[in-house]
Each structure stands twice: as structure tokens, then as C-alpha cells.
Amino acid sequence: MEFENDKMVKKAIRGNKKAFEQLIKQHYERIYRTAYLYVHNEEDALDVVQETTYQAYNYSLVKASRLLYDLAYQDHYPMCWSYSQKKK
């Protein structure tokens, strides 16, 4: 599974839209749950997921070594926190 995921990440980095979409589908629930834990609101959580996806896609067009892992599981937390602070 890890090997297949790495291959998918490499394809997404090279601009393969289907690979990127597959990665988003694969990690969507976890990204959404994390966002919801921070913002405590379904609509805001969906906004955070959309922004994370948008940034991940733009990031992949530039260059990334661990596209979704980095954005979804490391950069995503500060983004959620920042978003929740804006709403206060």
C-alpha cells in the first residue's frame, strides 16, 4: 500500500490529475475529520478541506516530496488552527 501511495504521489507531482484526485479521495475523510475537530462546524470544515485541496494541487504543480502527507497531516493542522482563530 505504501509503495502504491508513493507511486501515486509521484504521478500527482508530475501533474497527473487522476492521481491527484485519487489521493484526495483516499485521504478525504481524515482531512475532513481533522478540520472539523479544529473548527467545530461542518461548513467551515468543508472550507478548510477545499483550501487544503487547492493548496495541495498548487503545491504539486510547483514541487513536493510528500505532497498529501505533508499538507494533510502536518501543514493541515496549523491551517485548521489559523482558520478557527479567524472565525472568533
PDB file of N, CA and C in Angstrom:
ATOM      1  N   MET A   1       0.832  -1.205   0.000  1.00  0.00           N
ATOM      2  CA  MET A   1       0.000   0.000   0.000  1.00  0.00           C
ATOM      3  C   MET A   1       0.871   1.262   0.000  1.00  0.00           C
ATOM      4  N   GLU A   2       1.897   1.292   0.839  1.00  0.00           N
ATOM      5  CA  GLU A   2       2.781   2.460   0.920  1.00  0.00           C
ATOM      6  C   GLU A   2       3.464   2.699  -0.430  1.00  0.00           C
ATOM      7  N   PHE A   3       3.909   1.630  -1.066  1.00  0.00           N
ATOM      8  CA  PHE A   3       4.579   1.738  -2.362  1.00  0.00           C
ATOM      9  C   PHE A   3       3.626   2.303  -3.416  1.00  0.00           C
ATOM     10  N   GLU A   4       2.399   1.806  -3.427  1.00  0.00           N
ATOM     11  CA  GLU A   4       1.403   2.296  -4.378  1.00  0.00           C
ATOM     12  C   GLU A   4       1.096   3.771  -4.126  1.00  0.00           C
ATOM     13  N   ASN A   5       1.017   4.132  -2.855  1.00  0.00           N
ATOM     14  CA  ASN A   5       0.749   5.524  -2.496  1.00  0.00           C
ATOM     15  C   ASN A   5       1.896   6.421  -2.968  1.00  0.00           C
ATOM     16  N   ASP A   6       3.131   5.965  -2.779  1.00  0.00           N
ATOM     17  CA  ASP A   6       4.288   6.743  -3.231  1.00  0.00           C
ATOM     18  C   ASP A   6       4.261   6.931  -4.740  1.00  0.00           C
ATOM     19  N   LYS A   7       3.890   5.887  -5.467  1.00  0.00           N
ATOM     20  CA  LYS A   7       3.789   5.989  -6.929  1.00  0.00           C
ATOM     21  C   LYS A   7       2.719   7.005  -7.310  1.00  0.00           C
ATOM     22  N   MET A   8       1.605   6.984  -6.585  1.00  0.00           N
ATOM     23  CA  MET A   8       0.510   7.912  -6.861  1.00  0.00           C
ATOM     24  C   MET A   8       0.953   9.350  -6.584  1.00  0.00           C
ATOM     25  N   VAL A   9       1.685   9.563  -5.507  1.00  0.00           N
ATOM     26  CA  VAL A   9       2.190  10.898  -5.173  1.00  0.00           C
ATOM     27  C   VAL A   9       3.107  11.391  -6.280  1.00  0.00           C
ATOM     28  N   LYS A  10       3.996  10.537  -6.740  1.00  0.00           N
ATOM     29  CA  LYS A  10       4.916  10.938  -7.813  1.00  0.00           C
ATOM     30  C   LYS A  10       4.157  11.313  -9.081  1.00  0.00           C
ATOM     31  N   LYS A  11       3.137  10.550  -9.408  1.00  0.00           N
ATOM     32  CA  LYS A  11       2.324  10.866 -10.582  1.00  0.00           C
ATOM     33  C   LYS A  11       1.630  12.216 -10.408  1.00  0.00           C
ATOM     34  N   ALA A  12       1.093  12.453  -9.211  1.00  0.00           N
ATOM     35  CA  ALA A  12       0.402  13.722  -8.937  1.00  0.00           C
ATOM     36  C   ALA A  12       1.367  14.898  -9.049  1.00  0.00           C
ATOM     37  N   ILE A  13       2.563  14.719  -8.556  1.00  0.00           N
ATOM     38  CA  ILE A  13       3.565  15.777  -8.630  1.00  0.00           C
ATOM     39  C   ILE A  13       3.895  16.111 -10.078  1.00  0.00           C
ATOM     40  N   ARG A  14       3.885  15.092 -10.923  1.00  0.00           N
ATOM     41  CA  ARG A  14       4.181  15.306 -12.348  1.00  0.00           C
ATOM     42  C   ARG A  14       2.978  15.891 -13.097  1.00  0.00           C
ATOM     43  N   GLY A  15       1.890  16.133 -12.378  1.00  0.00           N
ATOM     44  CA  GLY A  15       0.739  16.777 -12.996  1.00  0.00           C
ATOM     45  C   GLY A  15      -0.384  15.844 -13.409  1.00  0.00           C
ATOM     46  N   ASN A  16      -0.333  14.592 -13.001  1.00  0.00           N
ATOM     47  CA  ASN A  16      -1.382  13.633 -13.328  1.00  0.00           C
ATOM     48  C   ASN A  16      -2.610  13.936 -12.474  1.00  0.00           C
ATOM     49  N   LYS A  17      -3.643  14.500 -13.091  1.00  0.00           N
ATOM     50  CA  LYS A  17      -4.842  14.920 -12.355  1.00  0.00           C
ATOM     51  C   LYS A  17      -5.592  13.734 -11.748  1.00  0.00           C
ATOM     52  N   LYS A  18      -5.634  12.611 -12.467  1.00  0.00           N
ATOM     53  CA  LYS A  18      -6.336  11.441 -11.928  1.00  0.00           C
ATOM     54  C   LYS A  18      -5.649  10.928 -10.660  1.00  0.00           C
ATOM     55  N   ALA A  19      -4.324  10.947 -10.653  1.00  0.00           N
ATOM     56  CA  ALA A  19      -3.580  10.514  -9.470  1.00  0.00           C
ATOM     57  C   ALA A  19      -3.864  11.449  -8.305  1.00  0.00           C
ATOM     58  N   PHE A  20      -3.885  12.751  -8.584  1.00  0.00           N
ATOM     59  CA  PHE A  20      -4.183  13.724  -7.533  1.00  0.00           C
ATOM     60  C   PHE A  20      -5.587  13.501  -6.972  1.00  0.00           C
ATOM     61  N   GLU A  21      -6.550  13.321  -7.861  1.00  0.00           N
ATOM     62  CA  GLU A  21      -7.929  13.075  -7.419  1.00  0.00           C
ATOM     63  C   GLU A  21      -8.020  11.808  -6.575  1.00  0.00           C
ATOM     64  N   GLN A  22      -7.313  10.775  -6.988  1.00  0.00           N
ATOM     65  CA  GLN A  22      -7.323   9.520  -6.231  1.00  0.00           C
ATOM     66  C   GLN A  22      -6.743   9.723  -4.827  1.00  0.00           C
ATOM     67  N   LEU A  23      -5.676  10.483  -4.730  1.00  0.00           N
ATOM     68  CA  LEU A  23      -5.083  10.765  -3.418  1.00  0.00           C
ATOM     69  C   LEU A  23      -6.051  11.553  -2.534  1.00  0.00           C
ATOM     70  N   ILE A  24      -6.722  12.526  -3.122  1.00  0.00           N
ATOM     71  CA  ILE A  24      -7.695  13.308  -2.355  1.00  0.00           C
ATOM     72  C   ILE A  24      -8.813  12.393  -1.850  1.00  0.00           C
ATOM     73  N   LYS A  25      -9.337  11.547  -2.729  1.00  0.00           N
ATOM     74  CA  LYS A  25     -10.398  10.615  -2.315  1.00  0.00           C
ATOM     75  C   LYS A  25      -9.917   9.685  -1.213  1.00  0.00           C
ATOM     76  N   GLN A  26      -8.686   9.228  -1.343  1.00  0.00           N
ATOM     77  CA  GLN A  26      -8.117   8.300  -0.373  1.00  0.00           C
ATOM     78  C   GLN A  26      -7.975   8.937   1.009  1.00  0.00           C
ATOM     79  N   HIS A  27      -7.673  10.216   1.066  1.00  0.00           N
ATOM     80  CA  HIS A  27      -7.393  10.886   2.339  1.00  0.00           C
ATOM     81  C   HIS A  27      -8.494  11.845   2.781  1.00  0.00           C
ATOM     82  N   TYR A  28      -9.573  11.943   2.023  1.00  0.00           N
ATOM     83  CA  TYR A  28     -10.612  12.947   2.276  1.00  0.00           C
ATOM     84  C   TYR A  28     -11.207  12.873   3.679  1.00  0.00           C
ATOM     85  N   GLU A  29     -11.614  11.702   4.090  1.00  0.00           N
ATOM     86  CA  GLU A  29     -12.279  11.569   5.395  1.00  0.00           C
ATOM     87  C   GLU A  29     -11.379  12.039   6.534  1.00  0.00           C
ATOM     88  N   ARG A  30     -10.125  11.675   6.477  1.00  0.00           N
ATOM     89  CA  ARG A  30      -9.202  12.066   7.546  1.00  0.00           C
ATOM     90  C   ARG A  30      -8.956  13.578   7.531  1.00  0.00           C
ATOM     91  N   ILE A  31      -8.831  14.143   6.349  1.00  0.00           N
ATOM     92  CA  ILE A  31      -8.643  15.594   6.239  1.00  0.00           C
ATOM     93  C   ILE A  31      -9.874  16.318   6.794  1.00  0.00           C
ATOM     94  N   TYR A  32     -11.062  15.837   6.410  1.00  0.00           N
ATOM     95  CA  TYR A  32     -12.293  16.463   6.882  1.00  0.00           C
ATOM     96  C   TYR A  32     -12.431  16.346   8.403  1.00  0.00           C
ATOM     97  N   ARG A  33     -12.204  15.165   8.940  1.00  0.00           N
ATOM     98  CA  ARG A  33     -12.331  14.975  10.402  1.00  0.00           C
ATOM     99  C   ARG A  33     -11.382  15.883  11.163  1.00  0.00           C
ATOM    100  N   THR A  34     -10.164  15.997  10.672  1.00  0.00           N
ATOM    101  CA  THR A  34      -9.190  16.873  11.321  1.00  0.00           C
ATOM    102  C   THR A  34      -9.665  18.319  11.293  1.00  0.00           C
ATOM    103  N   ALA A  35     -10.153  18.756  10.143  1.00  0.00           N
ATOM    104  CA  ALA A  35     -10.654  20.126  10.024  1.00  0.00           C
ATOM    105  C   ALA A  35     -11.824  20.356  10.975  1.00  0.00           C
ATOM    106  N   TYR A  36     -12.726  19.402  11.030  1.00  0.00           N
ATOM    107  CA  TYR A  36     -13.903  19.550  11.890  1.00  0.00           C
ATOM    108  C   TYR A  36     -13.508  19.625  13.366  1.00  0.00           C
ATOM    109  N   LEU A  37     -12.513  18.853  13.761  1.00  0.00           N
ATOM    110  CA  LEU A  37     -12.048  18.907  15.151  1.00  0.00           C
ATOM    111  C   LEU A  37     -11.549  20.297  15.529  1.00  0.00           C
ATOM    112  N   TYR A  38     -11.004  21.006  14.575  1.00  0.00           N
ATOM    113  CA  TYR A  38     -10.485  22.345  14.841  1.00  0.00           C
ATOM    114  C   TYR A  38     -11.551  23.424  14.763  1.00  0.00           C
ATOM    115  N   VAL A  39     -12.411  23.352  13.765  1.00  0.00           N
ATOM    116  CA  VAL A  39     -13.333  24.472  13.534  1.00  0.00           C
ATOM    117  C   VAL A  39     -14.733  24.235  14.088  1.00  0.00           C
ATOM    118  N   HIS A  40     -15.072  22.994  14.454  1.00  0.00           N
ATOM    119  CA  HIS A  40     -16.344  22.643  15.116  1.00  0.00           C
ATOM    120  C   HIS A  40     -17.585  23.059  14.327  1.00  0.00           C
ATOM    121  N   ASN A  41     -17.471  23.044  13.007  1.00  0.00           N
ATOM    122  CA  ASN A  41     -18.588  23.469  12.181  1.00  0.00           C
ATOM    123  C   ASN A  41     -18.429  22.816  10.809  1.00  0.00           C
ATOM    124  N   GLU A  42     -19.496  22.175  10.328  1.00  0.00           N
ATOM    125  CA  GLU A  42     -19.413  21.431   9.071  1.00  0.00           C
ATOM    126  C   GLU A  42     -19.042  22.321   7.886  1.00  0.00           C
ATOM    127  N   GLU A  43     -19.703  23.464   7.774  1.00  0.00           N
ATOM    128  CA  GLU A  43     -19.444  24.365   6.646  1.00  0.00           C
ATOM    129  C   GLU A  43     -18.001  24.868   6.655  1.00  0.00           C
ATOM    130  N   ASP A  44     -17.514  25.272   7.827  1.00  0.00           N
ATOM    131  CA  ASP A  44     -16.133  25.746   7.924  1.00  0.00           C
ATOM    132  C   ASP A  44     -15.138  24.617   7.652  1.00  0.00           C
ATOM    133  N   ALA A  45     -15.459  23.415   8.124  1.00  0.00           N
ATOM    134  CA  ALA A  45     -14.583  22.272   7.876  1.00  0.00           C
ATOM    135  C   ALA A  45     -14.480  21.999   6.384  1.00  0.00           C
ATOM    136  N   LEU A  46     -15.595  22.091   5.677  1.00  0.00           N
ATOM    137  CA  LEU A  46     -15.575  21.893   4.229  1.00  0.00           C
ATOM    138  C   LEU A  46     -14.757  22.981   3.537  1.00  0.00           C
ATOM    139  N   ASP A  47     -14.830  24.210   4.052  1.00  0.00           N
ATOM    140  CA  ASP A  47     -13.997  25.292   3.507  1.00  0.00           C
ATOM    141  C   ASP A  47     -12.508  24.981   3.694  1.00  0.00           C
ATOM    142  N   VAL A  48     -12.155  24.483   4.879  1.00  0.00           N
ATOM    143  CA  VAL A  48     -10.759  24.145   5.154  1.00  0.00           C
ATOM    144  C   VAL A  48     -10.303  23.018   4.235  1.00  0.00           C
ATOM    145  N   VAL A  49     -11.147  22.011   4.036  1.00  0.00           N
ATOM    146  CA  VAL A  49     -10.809  20.903   3.138  1.00  0.00           C
ATOM    147  C   VAL A  49     -10.596  21.436   1.718  1.00  0.00           C
ATOM    148  N   GLN A  50     -11.472  22.323   1.280  1.00  0.00           N
ATOM    149  CA  GLN A  50     -11.335  22.894  -0.053  1.00  0.00           C
ATOM    150  C   GLN A  50     -10.032  23.671  -0.176  1.00  0.00           C
ATOM    151  N   GLU A  51      -9.726  24.477   0.815  1.00  0.00           N
ATOM    152  CA  GLU A  51      -8.495  25.264   0.778  1.00  0.00           C
ATOM    153  C   GLU A  51      -7.266  24.359   0.825  1.00  0.00           C
ATOM    154  N   THR A  52      -7.317  23.315   1.637  1.00  0.00           N
ATOM    155  CA  THR A  52      -6.209  22.367   1.717  1.00  0.00           C
ATOM    156  C   THR A  52      -6.003  21.689   0.370  1.00  0.00           C
ATOM    157  N   THR A  53      -7.090  21.278  -0.261  1.00  0.00           N
ATOM    158  CA  THR A  53      -7.014  20.613  -1.559  1.00  0.00           C
ATOM    159  C   THR A  53      -6.448  21.563  -2.614  1.00  0.00           C
ATOM    160  N   TYR A  54      -6.925  22.784  -2.601  1.00  0.00           N
ATOM    161  CA  TYR A  54      -6.441  23.787  -3.551  1.00  0.00           C
ATOM    162  C   TYR A  54      -4.942  24.021  -3.371  1.00  0.00           C
ATOM    163  N   GLN A  55      -4.509  24.193  -2.122  1.00  0.00           N
ATOM    164  CA  GLN A  55      -3.094  24.419  -1.859  1.00  0.00           C
ATOM    165  C   GLN A  55      -2.267  23.194  -2.223  1.00  0.00           C
ATOM    166  N   ALA A  56      -2.794  22.014  -1.947  1.00  0.00           N
ATOM    167  CA  ALA A  56      -2.076  20.785  -2.296  1.00  0.00           C
ATOM    168  C   ALA A  56      -1.898  20.692  -3.807  1.00  0.00           C
ATOM    169  N   TYR A  57      -2.936  21.025  -4.550  1.00  0.00           N
ATOM    170  CA  TYR A  57      -2.844  20.967  -6.010  1.00  0.00           C
ATOM    171  C   TYR A  57      -1.820  21.973  -6.526  1.00  0.00           C
ATOM    172  N   ASN A  58      -1.887  23.198  -6.045  1.00  0.00           N
ATOM    173  CA  ASN A  58      -0.916  24.211  -6.460  1.00  0.00           C
ATOM    174  C   ASN A  58       0.491  23.821  -6.047  1.00  0.00           C
ATOM    175  N   TYR A  59       0.605  23.260  -4.867  1.00  0.00           N
ATOM    176  CA  TYR A  59       1.894  22.805  -4.354  1.00  0.00           C
ATOM    177  C   TYR A  59       2.452  21.716  -5.256  1.00  0.00           C
ATOM    178  N   SER A  60       1.581  20.833  -5.729  1.00  0.00           N
ATOM    179  CA  SER A  60       2.041  19.733  -6.574  1.00  0.00           C
ATOM    180  C   SER A  60       2.510  20.243  -7.929  1.00  0.00           C
ATOM    181  N   LEU A  61       1.951  21.352  -8.374  1.00  0.00           N
ATOM    182  CA  LEU A  61       2.380  21.904  -9.644  1.00  0.00           C
ATOM    183  C   LEU A  61       3.780  22.508  -9.545  1.00  0.00           C
ATOM    184  N   VAL A  62       4.147  22.968  -8.366  1.00  0.00           N
ATOM    185  CA  VAL A  62       5.461  23.556  -8.177  1.00  0.00           C
ATOM    186  C   VAL A  62       6.489  22.459  -7.925  1.00  0.00           C
ATOM    187  N   LYS A  63       6.324  21.724  -6.821  1.00  0.00           N
ATOM    188  CA  LYS A  63       7.227  20.626  -6.473  1.00  0.00           C
ATOM    189  C   LYS A  63       6.907  20.181  -5.061  1.00  0.00           C
ATOM    190  N   ALA A  64       6.935  18.883  -4.830  1.00  0.00           N
ATOM    191  CA  ALA A  64       6.698  18.363  -3.485  1.00  0.00           C
ATOM    192  C   ALA A  64       7.335  16.998  -3.354  1.00  0.00           C
ATOM    193  N   SER A  65       7.783  16.686  -2.155  1.00  0.00           N
ATOM    194  CA  SER A  65       8.356  15.368  -1.945  1.00  0.00           C
ATOM    195  C   SER A  65       7.333  14.421  -1.339  1.00  0.00           C
ATOM    196  N   ARG A  66       6.476  14.946  -0.505  1.00  0.00           N
ATOM    197  CA  ARG A  66       5.432  14.126   0.113  1.00  0.00           C
ATOM    198  C   ARG A  66       4.133  14.901   0.092  1.00  0.00           C
ATOM    199  N   LEU A  67       3.656  15.193  -1.094  1.00  0.00           N
ATOM    200  CA  LEU A  67       2.510  16.060  -1.355  1.00  0.00           C
ATOM    201  C   LEU A  67       1.411  15.997  -0.305  1.00  0.00           C
ATOM    202  N   LEU A  68       0.620  14.962  -0.301  1.00  0.00           N
ATOM    203  CA  LEU A  68      -0.529  14.941   0.599  1.00  0.00           C
ATOM    204  C   LEU A  68      -0.167  14.634   2.035  1.00  0.00           C
ATOM    205  N   TYR A  69       0.860  13.846   2.258  1.00  0.00           N
ATOM    206  CA  TYR A  69       1.236  13.581   3.647  1.00  0.00           C
ATOM    207  C   TYR A  69       1.577  14.890   4.338  1.00  0.00           C
ATOM    208  N   ASP A  70       2.424  15.682   3.708  1.00  0.00           N
ATOM    209  CA  ASP A  70       2.826  16.946   4.317  1.00  0.00           C
ATOM    210  C   ASP A  70       1.646  17.880   4.522  1.00  0.00           C
ATOM    211  N   LEU A  71       0.849  18.070   3.497  1.00  0.00           N
ATOM    212  CA  LEU A  71      -0.250  19.020   3.605  1.00  0.00           C
ATOM    213  C   LEU A  71      -1.386  18.514   4.472  1.00  0.00           C
ATOM    214  N   ALA A  72      -1.717  17.246   4.314  1.00  0.00           N
ATOM    215  CA  ALA A  72      -2.869  16.723   5.039  1.00  0.00           C
ATOM    216  C   ALA A  72      -2.579  16.464   6.498  1.00  0.00           C
ATOM    217  N   TYR A  73      -1.372  16.081   6.815  1.00  0.00           N
ATOM    218  CA  TYR A  73      -1.111  15.643   8.182  1.00  0.00           C
ATOM    219  C   TYR A  73      -0.130  16.506   8.952  1.00  0.00           C
ATOM    220  N   GLN A  74       0.506  17.462   8.305  1.00  0.00           N
ATOM    221  CA  GLN A  74       1.404  18.349   9.031  1.00  0.00           C
ATOM    222  C   GLN A  74       0.973  19.798   8.843  1.00  0.00           C
ATOM    223  N   ASP A  75       0.942  20.269   7.621  1.00  0.00           N
ATOM    224  CA  ASP A  75       0.559  21.655   7.359  1.00  0.00           C
ATOM    225  C   ASP A  75      -0.927  21.883   7.603  1.00  0.00           C
ATOM    226  N   HIS A  76      -1.709  20.829   7.531  1.00  0.00           N
ATOM    227  CA  HIS A  76      -3.158  20.930   7.695  1.00  0.00           C
ATOM    228  C   HIS A  76      -3.532  21.392   9.105  1.00  0.00           C
ATOM    229  N   TYR A  77      -2.835  20.925  10.120  1.00  0.00           N
ATOM    230  CA  TYR A  77      -3.168  21.297  11.497  1.00  0.00           C
ATOM    231  C   TYR A  77      -3.025  22.798  11.736  1.00  0.00           C
ATOM    232  N   PRO A  78      -1.888  23.416  11.367  1.00  0.00           N
ATOM    233  CA  PRO A  78      -1.802  24.865  11.555  1.00  0.00           C
ATOM    234  C   PRO A  78      -2.848  25.629  10.738  1.00  0.00           C
ATOM    235  N   MET A  79      -3.170  25.117   9.542  1.00  0.00           N
ATOM    236  CA  MET A  79      -4.183  25.774   8.723  1.00  0.00           C
ATOM    237  C   MET A  79      -5.530  25.735   9.431  1.00  0.00           C
ATOM    238  N   CYS A  80      -5.866  24.594  10.025  1.00  0.00           N
ATOM    239  CA  CYS A  80      -7.129  24.471  10.758  1.00  0.00           C
ATOM    240  C   CYS A  80      -7.149  25.435  11.933  1.00  0.00           C
ATOM    241  N   TRP A  81      -6.055  25.480  12.664  1.00  0.00           N
ATOM    242  CA  TRP A  81      -5.979  26.354  13.831  1.00  0.00           C
ATOM    243  C   TRP A  81      -6.125  27.805  13.394  1.00  0.00           C
ATOM    244  N   SER A  82      -5.406  28.191  12.352  1.00  0.00           N
ATOM    245  CA  SER A  82      -5.465  29.557  11.849  1.00  0.00           C
ATOM    246  C   SER A  82      -6.885  29.914  11.410  1.00  0.00           C
ATOM    247  N   TYR A  83      -7.529  28.998  10.722  1.00  0.00           N
ATOM    248  CA  TYR A  83      -8.888  29.234  10.249  1.00  0.00           C
ATOM    249  C   TYR A  83      -9.841  29.398  11.423  1.00  0.00           C
ATOM    250  N   SER A  84      -9.677  28.562  12.451  1.00  0.00           N
ATOM    251  CA  SER A  84     -10.566  28.658  13.610  1.00  0.00           C
ATOM    252  C   SER A  84     -10.367  29.973  14.354  1.00  0.00           C
ATOM    253  N   GLN A  85      -9.139  30.506  14.346  1.00  0.00           N
ATOM    254  CA  GLN A  85      -8.864  31.779  15.011  1.00  0.00           C
ATOM    255  C   GLN A  85      -9.491  32.938  14.259  1.00  0.00           C
ATOM    256  N   LYS A  86      -9.553  32.847  12.945  1.00  0.00           N
ATOM    257  CA  LYS A  86     -10.182  33.905  12.148  1.00  0.00           C
ATOM    258  C   LYS A  86     -11.667  34.018  12.446  1.00  0.00           C
ATOM    259  N   LYS A  87     -12.295  32.881  12.772  1.00  0.00           N
ATOM    260  CA  LYS A  87     -13.739  32.838  12.982  1.00  0.00           C
ATOM    261  C   LYS A  87     -14.148  33.375  14.359  1.00  0.00           C
ATOM    262  N   LYS A  88     -13.180  33.583  15.226  1.00  0.00           N
ATOM    263  CA  LYS A  88     -13.506  34.061  16.589  1.00  0.00           C
ATOM    264  C   LYS A  88     -13.737  35.548  16.617  1.00  0.00           C
TER     265      LYS A  88
END
